[in-house]
PDB file of N, CA and C in Angstrom:
ATOM      1  N   MET A   1      -5.566  31.680  -4.871  1.00  0.00           N
ATOM      2  CA  MET A   1      -4.451  31.875  -3.828  1.00  0.00           C
ATOM      3  C   MET A   1      -3.524  30.926  -3.845  1.00  0.00           C
ATOM      4  N   LYS A   2      -2.188  31.238  -3.456  1.00  0.00           N
ATOM      5  CA  LYS A   2      -1.242  30.428  -3.385  1.00  0.00           C
ATOM      6  C   LYS A   2      -1.361  29.455  -2.373  1.00  0.00           C
ATOM      7  N   LEU A   3      -1.228  28.245  -2.379  1.00  0.00           N
ATOM      8  CA  LEU A   3      -1.303  27.094  -1.177  1.00  0.00           C
ATOM      9  C   LEU A   3       0.243  26.905  -0.861  1.00  0.00           C
ATOM     10  N   LEU A   4       0.392  26.874   0.432  1.00  0.00           N
ATOM     11  CA  LEU A   4       1.599  26.672   0.962  1.00  0.00           C
ATOM     12  C   LEU A   4       1.527  25.693   2.218  1.00  0.00           C
ATOM     13  N   TRP A   5       2.183  24.829   2.396  1.00  0.00           N
ATOM     14  CA  TRP A   5       2.172  23.766   3.503  1.00  0.00           C
ATOM     15  C   TRP A   5       3.441  24.133   4.503  1.00  0.00           C
ATOM     16  N   THR A   6       3.044  24.171   5.627  1.00  0.00           N
ATOM     17  CA  THR A   6       4.124  24.430   6.784  1.00  0.00           C
ATOM     18  C   THR A   6       4.797  22.932   6.877  1.00  0.00           C
ATOM     19  N   ASP A   7       6.222  22.931   7.494  1.00  0.00           N
ATOM     20  CA  ASP A   7       6.748  21.793   7.635  1.00  0.00           C
ATOM     21  C   ASP A   7       5.825  20.723   8.643  1.00  0.00           C
ATOM     22  N   ARG A   8       5.209  21.226   9.501  1.00  0.00           N
ATOM     23  CA  ARG A   8       4.386  20.475  10.274  1.00  0.00           C
ATOM     24  C   ARG A   8       3.350  19.519   9.490  1.00  0.00           C
ATOM     25  N   ALA A   9       2.622  20.429   8.593  1.00  0.00           N
ATOM     26  CA  ALA A   9       1.396  19.799   7.758  1.00  0.00           C
ATOM     27  C   ALA A   9       2.135  18.601   6.822  1.00  0.00           C
ATOM     28  N   LYS A  10       3.239  18.988   6.267  1.00  0.00           N
ATOM     29  CA  LYS A  10       3.857  18.032   5.351  1.00  0.00           C
ATOM     30  C   LYS A  10       4.316  16.827   6.129  1.00  0.00           C
ATOM     31  N   ARG A  11       4.759  16.952   7.421  1.00  0.00           N
ATOM     32  CA  ARG A  11       4.983  15.837   8.201  1.00  0.00           C
ATOM     33  C   ARG A  11       3.735  15.098   8.494  1.00  0.00           C
ATOM     34  N   ASP A  12       2.478  15.811   8.701  1.00  0.00           N
ATOM     35  CA  ASP A  12       1.448  15.113   9.203  1.00  0.00           C
ATOM     36  C   ASP A  12       0.872  14.279   7.903  1.00  0.00           C
ATOM     37  N   LEU A  13       0.936  14.866   6.765  1.00  0.00           N
ATOM     38  CA  LEU A  13       0.705  14.121   5.537  1.00  0.00           C
ATOM     39  C   LEU A  13       1.455  12.554   5.473  1.00  0.00           C
ATOM     40  N   LEU A  14       2.662  12.915   5.739  1.00  0.00           N
ATOM     41  CA  LEU A  14       3.588  11.678   5.567  1.00  0.00           C
ATOM     42  C   LEU A  14       3.084  10.651   6.641  1.00  0.00           C
ATOM     43  N   ASP A  15       2.909  11.155   7.777  1.00  0.00           N
ATOM     44  CA  ASP A  15       2.554  10.197   8.985  1.00  0.00           C
ATOM     45  C   ASP A  15       1.191   9.415   8.729  1.00  0.00           C
ATOM     46  N   ILE A  16       0.298  10.265   8.166  1.00  0.00           N
ATOM     47  CA  ILE A  16      -0.967   9.751   7.583  1.00  0.00           C
ATOM     48  C   ILE A  16      -0.653   8.513   6.571  1.00  0.00           C
ATOM     49  N   GLY A  17      -0.113   9.044   5.640  1.00  0.00           N
ATOM     50  CA  GLY A  17       0.372   7.897   4.618  1.00  0.00           C
ATOM     51  C   GLY A  17       0.867   6.603   5.008  1.00  0.00           C
ATOM     52  N   ARG A  18       1.985   6.898   5.953  1.00  0.00           N
ATOM     53  CA  ARG A  18       2.651   5.744   6.497  1.00  0.00           C
ATOM     54  C   ARG A  18       1.930   4.757   7.173  1.00  0.00           C
ATOM     55  N   PHE A  19       0.862   5.399   8.124  1.00  0.00           N
ATOM     56  CA  PHE A  19      -0.078   4.837   8.950  1.00  0.00           C
ATOM     57  C   PHE A  19      -1.113   3.899   8.013  1.00  0.00           C
ATOM     58  N   ILE A  20      -1.611   4.451   6.926  1.00  0.00           N
ATOM     59  CA  ILE A  20      -2.428   3.670   6.156  1.00  0.00           C
ATOM     60  C   ILE A  20      -1.705   2.733   5.455  1.00  0.00           C
ATOM     61  N   ALA A  21      -0.543   3.034   4.848  1.00  0.00           N
ATOM     62  CA  ALA A  21       0.394   1.929   4.042  1.00  0.00           C
ATOM     63  C   ALA A  21       0.599   0.818   4.835  1.00  0.00           C
ATOM     64  N   ARG A  22       0.560   0.807   6.242  1.00  0.00           N
ATOM     65  CA  ARG A  22       0.846  -0.386   6.840  1.00  0.00           C
ATOM     66  C   ARG A  22      -0.097  -1.627   6.371  1.00  0.00           C
ATOM     67  N   ASP A  23      -1.404  -1.076   5.932  1.00  0.00           N
ATOM     68  CA  ASP A  23      -2.402  -2.111   5.635  1.00  0.00           C
ATOM     69  C   ASP A  23      -2.583  -1.991   4.062  1.00  0.00           C
ATOM     70  N   ASN A  24      -2.528  -0.983   3.572  1.00  0.00           N
ATOM     71  CA  ASN A  24      -2.732  -0.810   2.018  1.00  0.00           C
ATOM     72  C   ASN A  24      -2.099   0.354   1.481  1.00  0.00           C
ATOM     73  N   PRO A  25      -0.795   0.097   0.857  1.00  0.00           N
ATOM     74  CA  PRO A  25       0.101   1.266   0.271  1.00  0.00           C
ATOM     75  C   PRO A  25      -0.837   2.158  -0.844  1.00  0.00           C
ATOM     76  N   ARG A  26      -1.401   1.216  -1.696  1.00  0.00           N
ATOM     77  CA  ARG A  26      -2.391   1.946  -2.570  1.00  0.00           C
ATOM     78  C   ARG A  26      -3.300   2.810  -2.134  1.00  0.00           C
ATOM     79  N   ALA A  27      -3.983   2.525  -1.209  1.00  0.00           N
ATOM     80  CA  ALA A  27      -5.077   3.286  -0.625  1.00  0.00           C
ATOM     81  C   ALA A  27      -4.467   4.414   0.201  1.00  0.00           C
ATOM     82  N   ALA A  28      -3.140   4.172   0.593  1.00  0.00           N
ATOM     83  CA  ALA A  28      -2.519   5.445   1.481  1.00  0.00           C
ATOM     84  C   ALA A  28      -2.218   6.533   0.397  1.00  0.00           C
ATOM     85  N   ARG A  29      -1.717   6.188  -0.749  1.00  0.00           N
ATOM     86  CA  ARG A  29      -1.325   7.177  -1.831  1.00  0.00           C
ATOM     87  C   ARG A  29      -2.666   8.000  -2.274  1.00  0.00           C
ATOM     88  N   ALA A  30      -3.770   7.196  -2.305  1.00  0.00           N
ATOM     89  CA  ALA A  30      -4.966   7.774  -2.783  1.00  0.00           C
ATOM     90  C   ALA A  30      -5.446   8.591  -1.671  1.00  0.00           C
ATOM     91  N   TRP A  31      -5.496   8.246  -0.463  1.00  0.00           N
ATOM     92  CA  TRP A  31      -6.011   9.057   0.647  1.00  0.00           C
ATOM     93  C   TRP A  31      -5.261  10.257   0.790  1.00  0.00           C
ATOM     94  N   VAL A  32      -3.928  10.316   0.788  1.00  0.00           N
ATOM     95  CA  VAL A  32      -3.140  11.537   0.858  1.00  0.00           C
ATOM     96  C   VAL A  32      -3.447  12.356  -0.277  1.00  0.00           C
ATOM     97  N   GLU A  33      -3.520  11.908  -1.397  1.00  0.00           N
ATOM     98  CA  GLU A  33      -3.894  12.771  -2.629  1.00  0.00           C
ATOM     99  C   GLU A  33      -5.366  13.532  -2.501  1.00  0.00           C
ATOM    100  N   ARG A  34      -6.196  12.711  -1.917  1.00  0.00           N
ATOM    101  CA  ARG A  34      -7.414  13.277  -1.388  1.00  0.00           C
ATOM    102  C   ARG A  34      -7.379  14.476  -0.543  1.00  0.00           C
ATOM    103  N   LEU A  35      -6.511  14.420   0.536  1.00  0.00           N
ATOM    104  CA  LEU A  35      -6.298  15.403   1.336  1.00  0.00           C
ATOM    105  C   LEU A  35      -5.696  16.679   0.736  1.00  0.00           C
ATOM    106  N   ARG A  36      -4.564  16.413  -0.054  1.00  0.00           N
ATOM    107  CA  ARG A  36      -3.890  17.320  -0.896  1.00  0.00           C
ATOM    108  C   ARG A  36      -5.086  18.226  -1.748  1.00  0.00           C
ATOM    109  N   GLU A  37      -5.843  17.480  -2.424  1.00  0.00           N
ATOM    110  CA  GLU A  37      -6.784  18.035  -3.353  1.00  0.00           C
ATOM    111  C   GLU A  37      -7.672  18.899  -2.622  1.00  0.00           C
ATOM    112  N   ARG A  38      -8.276  18.581  -1.482  1.00  0.00           N
ATOM    113  CA  ARG A  38      -9.036  19.320  -0.646  1.00  0.00           C
ATOM    114  C   ARG A  38      -8.494  20.420  -0.129  1.00  0.00           C
ATOM    115  N   ALA A  39      -7.287  20.595   0.190  1.00  0.00           N
ATOM    116  CA  ALA A  39      -6.508  21.868   0.562  1.00  0.00           C
ATOM    117  C   ALA A  39      -6.387  22.786  -0.598  1.00  0.00           C
ATOM    118  N   ARG A  40      -6.059  22.015  -1.757  1.00  0.00           N
ATOM    119  CA  ARG A  40      -6.097  23.025  -2.984  1.00  0.00           C
ATOM    120  C   ARG A  40      -7.491  23.628  -3.097  1.00  0.00           C
ATOM    121  N   SER A  41      -8.543  22.868  -2.913  1.00  0.00           N
ATOM    122  CA  SER A  41      -9.865  23.592  -3.076  1.00  0.00           C
ATOM    123  C   SER A  41     -10.090  24.539  -1.944  1.00  0.00           C
ATOM    124  N   ALA A  42      -9.649  24.305  -0.963  1.00  0.00           N
ATOM    125  CA  ALA A  42      -9.897  25.356   0.136  1.00  0.00           C
ATOM    126  C   ALA A  42      -8.908  26.568  -0.183  1.00  0.00           C
ATOM    127  N   ALA A  43      -7.866  26.697  -0.874  1.00  0.00           N
ATOM    128  CA  ALA A  43      -7.220  27.665  -1.305  1.00  0.00           C
ATOM    129  C   ALA A  43      -7.868  28.522  -2.329  1.00  0.00           C
ATOM    130  N   GLU A  44      -8.996  27.806  -3.086  1.00  0.00           N
ATOM    131  CA  GLU A  44      -9.486  28.580  -3.969  1.00  0.00           C
ATOM    132  C   GLU A  44     -10.609  29.393  -3.347  1.00  0.00           C
ATOM    133  N   THR A  45     -11.198  28.835  -2.279  1.00  0.00           N
ATOM    134  CA  THR A  45     -12.282  29.717  -1.428  1.00  0.00           C
ATOM    135  C   THR A  45     -12.079  29.738  -0.174  1.00  0.00           C
ATOM    136  N   PRO A  46     -11.045  30.196   0.357  1.00  0.00           N
ATOM    137  CA  PRO A  46     -10.428  29.936   1.788  1.00  0.00           C
ATOM    138  C   PRO A  46     -11.324  30.299   2.782  1.00  0.00           C
ATOM    139  N   TRP A  47     -12.324  31.434   2.620  1.00  0.00           N
ATOM    140  CA  TRP A  47     -13.253  31.946   3.418  1.00  0.00           C
ATOM    141  C   TRP A  47     -14.260  31.121   3.902  1.00  0.00           C
ATOM    142  N   ALA A  48     -14.480  30.014   2.843  1.00  0.00           N
ATOM    143  CA  ALA A  48     -15.632  28.901   3.007  1.00  0.00           C
ATOM    144  C   ALA A  48     -15.460  28.159   4.012  1.00  0.00           C
ATOM    145  N   GLY A  49     -14.120  27.725   4.544  1.00  0.00           N
ATOM    146  CA  GLY A  49     -13.817  26.906   5.626  1.00  0.00           C
ATOM    147  C   GLY A  49     -14.387  27.548   6.886  1.00  0.00           C
ATOM    148  N   ARG A  50     -14.755  26.731   7.976  1.00  0.00           N
ATOM    149  CA  ARG A  50     -15.281  27.058   9.203  1.00  0.00           C
ATOM    150  C   ARG A  50     -14.119  27.646   9.996  1.00  0.00           C
ATOM    151  N   VAL A  51     -14.252  28.566  10.815  1.00  0.00           N
ATOM    152  CA  VAL A  51     -13.310  28.931  11.782  1.00  0.00           C
ATOM    153  C   VAL A  51     -13.098  27.915  12.804  1.00  0.00           C
ATOM    154  N   VAL A  52     -11.637  27.645  13.144  1.00  0.00           N
ATOM    155  CA  VAL A  52     -11.471  26.572  14.088  1.00  0.00           C
ATOM    156  C   VAL A  52     -11.794  27.047  15.561  1.00  0.00           C
ATOM    157  N   PRO A  53     -12.839  26.271  15.969  1.00  0.00           N
ATOM    158  CA  PRO A  53     -13.358  26.358  17.459  1.00  0.00           C
ATOM    159  C   PRO A  53     -12.337  26.676  18.349  1.00  0.00           C
ATOM    160  N   GLU A  54     -11.311  25.869  18.343  1.00  0.00           N
ATOM    161  CA  GLU A  54     -10.137  26.105  19.535  1.00  0.00           C
ATOM    162  C   GLU A  54      -9.428  27.133  19.352  1.00  0.00           C
ATOM    163  N   ARG A  55      -9.370  27.963  18.194  1.00  0.00           N
ATOM    164  CA  ARG A  55      -8.571  29.221  18.199  1.00  0.00           C
ATOM    165  C   ARG A  55      -9.423  30.596  17.955  1.00  0.00           C
ATOM    166  N   ALA A  56     -10.820  30.497  17.631  1.00  0.00           N
ATOM    167  CA  ALA A  56     -11.498  31.655  17.485  1.00  0.00           C
ATOM    168  C   ALA A  56     -10.940  32.781  16.887  1.00  0.00           C
ATOM    169  N   ASP A  57     -10.183  32.646  15.802  1.00  0.00           N
ATOM    170  CA  ASP A  57      -9.532  33.429  15.092  1.00  0.00           C
ATOM    171  C   ASP A  57     -10.000  33.415  13.540  1.00  0.00           C
ATOM    172  N   LEU A  58     -10.487  34.513  13.053  1.00  0.00           N
ATOM    173  CA  LEU A  58     -11.273  34.375  11.872  1.00  0.00           C
ATOM    174  C   LEU A  58     -10.430  34.105  10.462  1.00  0.00           C
ATOM    175  N   GLU A  59      -9.131  34.360  10.774  1.00  0.00           N
ATOM    176  CA  GLU A  59      -8.179  33.917   9.682  1.00  0.00           C
ATOM    177  C   GLU A  59      -7.672  32.356   9.838  1.00  0.00           C
ATOM    178  N   VAL A  60      -7.994  31.615  10.832  1.00  0.00           N
ATOM    179  CA  VAL A  60      -7.485  30.203  11.040  1.00  0.00           C
ATOM    180  C   VAL A  60      -8.737  29.526  10.686  1.00  0.00           C
ATOM    181  N   ARG A  61      -8.890  28.846   9.839  1.00  0.00           N
ATOM    182  CA  ARG A  61      -9.927  28.122   9.340  1.00  0.00           C
ATOM    183  C   ARG A  61      -9.572  26.546   9.103  1.00  0.00           C
ATOM    184  N   GLU A  62     -10.785  25.599   8.789  1.00  0.00           N
ATOM    185  CA  GLU A  62     -10.584  24.486   8.475  1.00  0.00           C
ATOM    186  C   GLU A  62     -11.540  23.849   7.672  1.00  0.00           C
ATOM    187  N   VAL A  63     -11.138  22.683   6.939  1.00  0.00           N
ATOM    188  CA  VAL A  63     -12.054  22.000   6.162  1.00  0.00           C
ATOM    189  C   VAL A  63     -11.917  20.492   6.617  1.00  0.00           C
ATOM    190  N   ILE A  64     -13.005  19.892   6.515  1.00  0.00           N
ATOM    191  CA  ILE A  64     -13.115  18.433   7.056  1.00  0.00           C
ATOM    192  C   ILE A  64     -13.208  17.344   5.905  1.00  0.00           C
ATOM    193  N   VAL A  65     -12.473  16.360   5.933  1.00  0.00           N
ATOM    194  CA  VAL A  65     -12.498  15.402   4.809  1.00  0.00           C
ATOM    195  C   VAL A  65     -12.558  13.951   5.681  1.00  0.00           C
ATOM    196  N   ARG A  66     -13.671  13.523   5.711  1.00  0.00           N
ATOM    197  CA  ARG A  66     -14.169  12.340   6.655  1.00  0.00           C
ATOM    198  C   ARG A  66     -13.865  12.700   8.000  1.00  0.00           C
ATOM    199  N   ASN A  67     -12.786  11.904   8.548  1.00  0.00           N
ATOM    200  CA  ASN A  67     -12.383  12.154   9.921  1.00  0.00           C
ATOM    201  C   ASN A  67     -11.148  13.167  10.111  1.00  0.00           C
ATOM    202  N   TYR A  68     -10.834  13.698   9.037  1.00  0.00           N
ATOM    203  CA  TYR A  68      -9.549  14.386   9.051  1.00  0.00           C
ATOM    204  C   TYR A  68      -9.879  15.919   9.000  1.00  0.00           C
ATOM    205  N   ARG A  69      -9.166  16.814   9.770  1.00  0.00           N
ATOM    206  CA  ARG A  69      -9.226  18.194   9.860  1.00  0.00           C
ATOM    207  C   ARG A  69      -8.327  18.780   9.090  1.00  0.00           C
ATOM    208  N   ILE A  70      -8.391  19.596   8.196  1.00  0.00           N
ATOM    209  CA  ILE A  70      -6.996  20.280   7.478  1.00  0.00           C
ATOM    210  C   ILE A  70      -7.232  21.798   7.895  1.00  0.00           C
ATOM    211  N   VAL A  71      -6.507  22.216   8.725  1.00  0.00           N
ATOM    212  CA  VAL A  71      -6.311  23.547   9.431  1.00  0.00           C
ATOM    213  C   VAL A  71      -5.397  24.557   8.767  1.00  0.00           C
ATOM    214  N   TYR A  72      -5.798  25.611   8.350  1.00  0.00           N
ATOM    215  CA  TYR A  72      -5.076  26.578   7.544  1.00  0.00           C
ATOM    216  C   TYR A  72      -5.221  28.055   8.020  1.00  0.00           C
ATOM    217  N   ARG A  73      -4.256  28.891   7.650  1.00  0.00           N
ATOM    218  CA  ARG A  73      -4.398  30.412   8.006  1.00  0.00           C
ATOM    219  C   ARG A  73      -4.405  31.019   6.645  1.00  0.00           C
ATOM    220  N   VAL A  74      -5.322  31.940   6.546  1.00  0.00           N
ATOM    221  CA  VAL A  74      -5.593  32.807   5.433  1.00  0.00           C
ATOM    222  C   VAL A  74      -4.640  34.052   5.648  1.00  0.00           C
ATOM    223  N   PHE A  75      -3.818  34.146   4.594  1.00  0.00           N
ATOM    224  CA  PHE A  75      -2.871  35.483   4.467  1.00  0.00           C
ATOM    225  C   PHE A  75      -3.300  36.215   3.220  1.00  0.00           C
ATOM    226  N   GLU A  76      -2.898  37.214   3.014  1.00  0.00           N
ATOM    227  CA  GLU A  76      -3.129  38.121   1.747  1.00  0.00           C
ATOM    228  C   GLU A  76      -2.195  37.419   0.817  1.00  0.00           C
ATOM    229  N   GLY A  77      -3.190  36.896  -0.234  1.00  0.00           N
ATOM    230  CA  GLY A  77      -2.600  36.128  -1.481  1.00  0.00           C
ATOM    231  C   GLY A  77      -2.197  34.691  -1.264  1.00  0.00           C
ATOM    232  N   ALA A  78      -2.144  34.051   0.118  1.00  0.00           N
ATOM    233  CA  ALA A  78      -1.866  32.835   0.146  1.00  0.00           C
ATOM    234  C   ALA A  78      -2.674  32.173   1.472  1.00  0.00           C
ATOM    235  N   VAL A  79      -2.859  30.897   1.270  1.00  0.00           N
ATOM    236  CA  VAL A  79      -3.155  29.927   2.341  1.00  0.00           C
ATOM    237  C   VAL A  79      -1.961  29.071   2.713  1.00  0.00           C
ATOM    238  N   HIS A  80      -1.958  28.987   4.158  1.00  0.00           N
ATOM    239  CA  HIS A  80      -0.927  28.199   4.673  1.00  0.00           C
ATOM    240  C   HIS A  80      -1.493  27.009   5.517  1.00  0.00           C
ATOM    241  N   VAL A  81      -1.221  25.814   4.870  1.00  0.00           N
ATOM    242  CA  VAL A  81      -2.006  24.766   5.746  1.00  0.00           C
ATOM    243  C   VAL A  81      -0.945  24.519   6.865  1.00  0.00           C
ATOM    244  N   LEU A  82      -1.583  24.530   8.119  1.00  0.00           N
ATOM    245  CA  LEU A  82      -0.798  24.577   9.484  1.00  0.00           C
ATOM    246  C   LEU A  82      -0.659  23.041   9.889  1.00  0.00           C
ATOM    247  N   THR A  83      -1.777  22.170   9.736  1.00  0.00           N
ATOM    248  CA  THR A  83      -1.740  20.949  10.403  1.00  0.00           C
ATOM    249  C   THR A  83      -2.998  20.066   9.752  1.00  0.00           C
ATOM    250  N   VAL A  84      -2.658  18.930   9.748  1.00  0.00           N
ATOM    251  CA  VAL A  84      -3.700  17.879   9.306  1.00  0.00           C
ATOM    252  C   VAL A  84      -3.682  16.847  10.275  1.00  0.00           C
ATOM    253  N   PHE A  85      -4.735  16.516  10.764  1.00  0.00           N
ATOM    254  CA  PHE A  85      -5.017  15.576  11.825  1.00  0.00           C
ATOM    255  C   PHE A  85      -6.393  14.873  12.053  1.00  0.00           C
ATOM    256  N   GLU A  86      -6.351  13.763  12.707  1.00  0.00           N
ATOM    257  CA  GLU A  86      -7.765  13.167  12.767  1.00  0.00           C
ATOM    258  C   GLU A  86      -8.677  13.949  13.854  1.00  0.00           C
ATOM    259  N   GLY A  87      -9.837  14.047  13.404  1.00  0.00           N
ATOM    260  CA  GLY A  87     -10.768  14.974  14.045  1.00  0.00           C
ATOM    261  C   GLY A  87     -11.085  14.504  15.639  1.00  0.00           C
ATOM    262  N   HIS A  88     -10.983  13.145  15.974  1.00  0.00           N
ATOM    263  CA  HIS A  88     -11.157  12.608  17.286  1.00  0.00           C
ATOM    264  C   HIS A  88      -9.983  13.219  18.323  1.00  0.00           C
ATOM    265  N   ARG A  89      -9.156  13.561  17.860  1.00  0.00           N
ATOM    266  CA  ARG A  89      -7.770  14.018  18.648  1.00  0.00           C
ATOM    267  C   ARG A  89      -7.924  15.596  19.111  1.00  0.00           C
ATOM    268  N   VAL A  90      -7.241  15.711  20.131  1.00  0.00           N
ATOM    269  CA  VAL A  90      -7.473  17.194  20.531  1.00  0.00           C
ATOM    270  C   VAL A  90      -6.543  17.878  19.693  1.00  0.00           C
ATOM    271  N   PHE A  91      -7.021  19.308  19.558  1.00  0.00           N
ATOM    272  CA  PHE A  91      -6.247  20.122  18.552  1.00  0.00           C
ATOM    273  C   PHE A  91      -4.864  20.279  19.293  1.00  0.00           C
ATOM    274  N   PRO A  92      -3.875  20.179  18.331  1.00  0.00           N
ATOM    275  CA  PRO A  92      -2.480  20.179  18.768  1.00  0.00           C
ATOM    276  C   PRO A  92      -2.137  21.652  19.385  1.00  0.00           C
ATOM    277  N   ASP A  93      -1.532  21.557  20.524  1.00  0.00           N
ATOM    278  CA  ASP A  93      -1.164  22.790  21.322  1.00  0.00           C
ATOM    279  C   ASP A  93      -0.015  23.507  20.660  1.00  0.00           C
ATOM    280  N   ASP A  94       0.850  22.684  19.809  1.00  0.00           N
ATOM    281  CA  ASP A  94       2.052  23.515  19.421  1.00  0.00           C
ATOM    282  C   ASP A  94       1.971  23.882  18.013  1.00  0.00           C
ATOM    283  N   VAL A  95       0.599  24.008  17.516  1.00  0.00           N
ATOM    284  CA  VAL A  95       0.441  24.696  16.185  1.00  0.00           C
ATOM    285  C   VAL A  95       0.511  26.182  16.271  1.00  0.00           C
ATOM    286  N   ASP A  96       1.475  26.800  15.691  1.00  0.00           N
ATOM    287  CA  ASP A  96       1.691  28.198  15.605  1.00  0.00           C
ATOM    288  C   ASP A  96       0.810  28.826  14.423  1.00  0.00           C
ATOM    289  N   SER A  97      -0.261  29.198  14.778  1.00  0.00           N
ATOM    290  CA  SER A  97      -1.079  29.931  13.704  1.00  0.00           C
ATOM    291  C   SER A  97      -0.691  31.462  13.439  1.00  0.00           C
ATOM    292  N   GLU A  98       0.196  31.938  14.188  1.00  0.00           N
ATOM    293  CA  GLU A  98       0.579  33.446  14.014  1.00  0.00           C
ATOM    294  C   GLU A  98       1.818  33.557  13.209  1.00  0.00           C
ATOM    295  N   SER A  99       2.550  32.582  13.049  1.00  0.00           N
ATOM    296  CA  SER A  99       3.756  32.859  12.171  1.00  0.00           C
ATOM    297  C   SER A  99       3.595  31.954  10.815  1.00  0.00           C
ATOM    298  N   ASN A 100       4.517  32.578   9.884  1.00  0.00           N
ATOM    299  CA  ASN A 100       4.434  31.832   8.638  1.00  0.00           C
ATOM    300  C   ASN A 100       5.943  31.475   8.207  1.00  0.00           C
ATOM    301  N   ASN A 101       6.833  31.417   9.396  1.00  0.00           N
ATOM    302  CA  ASN A 101       8.069  31.005   8.996  1.00  0.00           C
ATOM    303  C   ASN A 101       8.462  29.560   8.946  1.00  0.00           C
ATOM    304  N   SER A 102       7.703  28.742   9.256  1.00  0.00           N
ATOM    305  CA  SER A 102       7.901  27.103   9.110  1.00  0.00           C
ATOM    306  C   SER A 102       7.385  26.718   7.701  1.00  0.00           C
ATOM    307  N   ILE A 103       7.156  27.672   6.653  1.00  0.00           N
ATOM    308  CA  ILE A 103       6.649  27.250   5.473  1.00  0.00           C
ATOM    309  C   ILE A 103       7.650  26.370   4.762  1.00  0.00           C
ATOM    310  N   ALA A 104       7.278  24.963   4.196  1.00  0.00           N
ATOM    311  CA  ALA A 104       7.981  24.153   3.357  1.00  0.00           C
ATOM    312  C   ALA A 104       8.071  24.751   2.195  1.00  0.00           C
ATOM    313  N   LYS A 105       9.455  24.854   1.615  1.00  0.00           N
ATOM    314  CA  LYS A 105       9.437  25.278   0.124  1.00  0.00           C
ATOM    315  C   LYS A 105       9.360  24.201  -0.868  1.00  0.00           C
TER     316      LYS A 105
END
């Protein structure tokens, strides 16, 4: 399946990388790449991710990488990453899982 990132998810990755880079720029690059790779793996088997409990929508799924949640929506032929955030945080209210109009090209 094709993997697409929303603008929000791309900003999330940048923010995560910037935060980690304050202490270790090399580790930041490696960590962000690890998150990207896990999203690519999720796109290969999208239904293997668990349903996001806060959404209870069978098409909105997530995979966990240590303490980060990668939330995505399964569409026909594509997976859209909606957000990436630390698992101890509350699920962001402003994540629009219904639309696909904020896909970063």
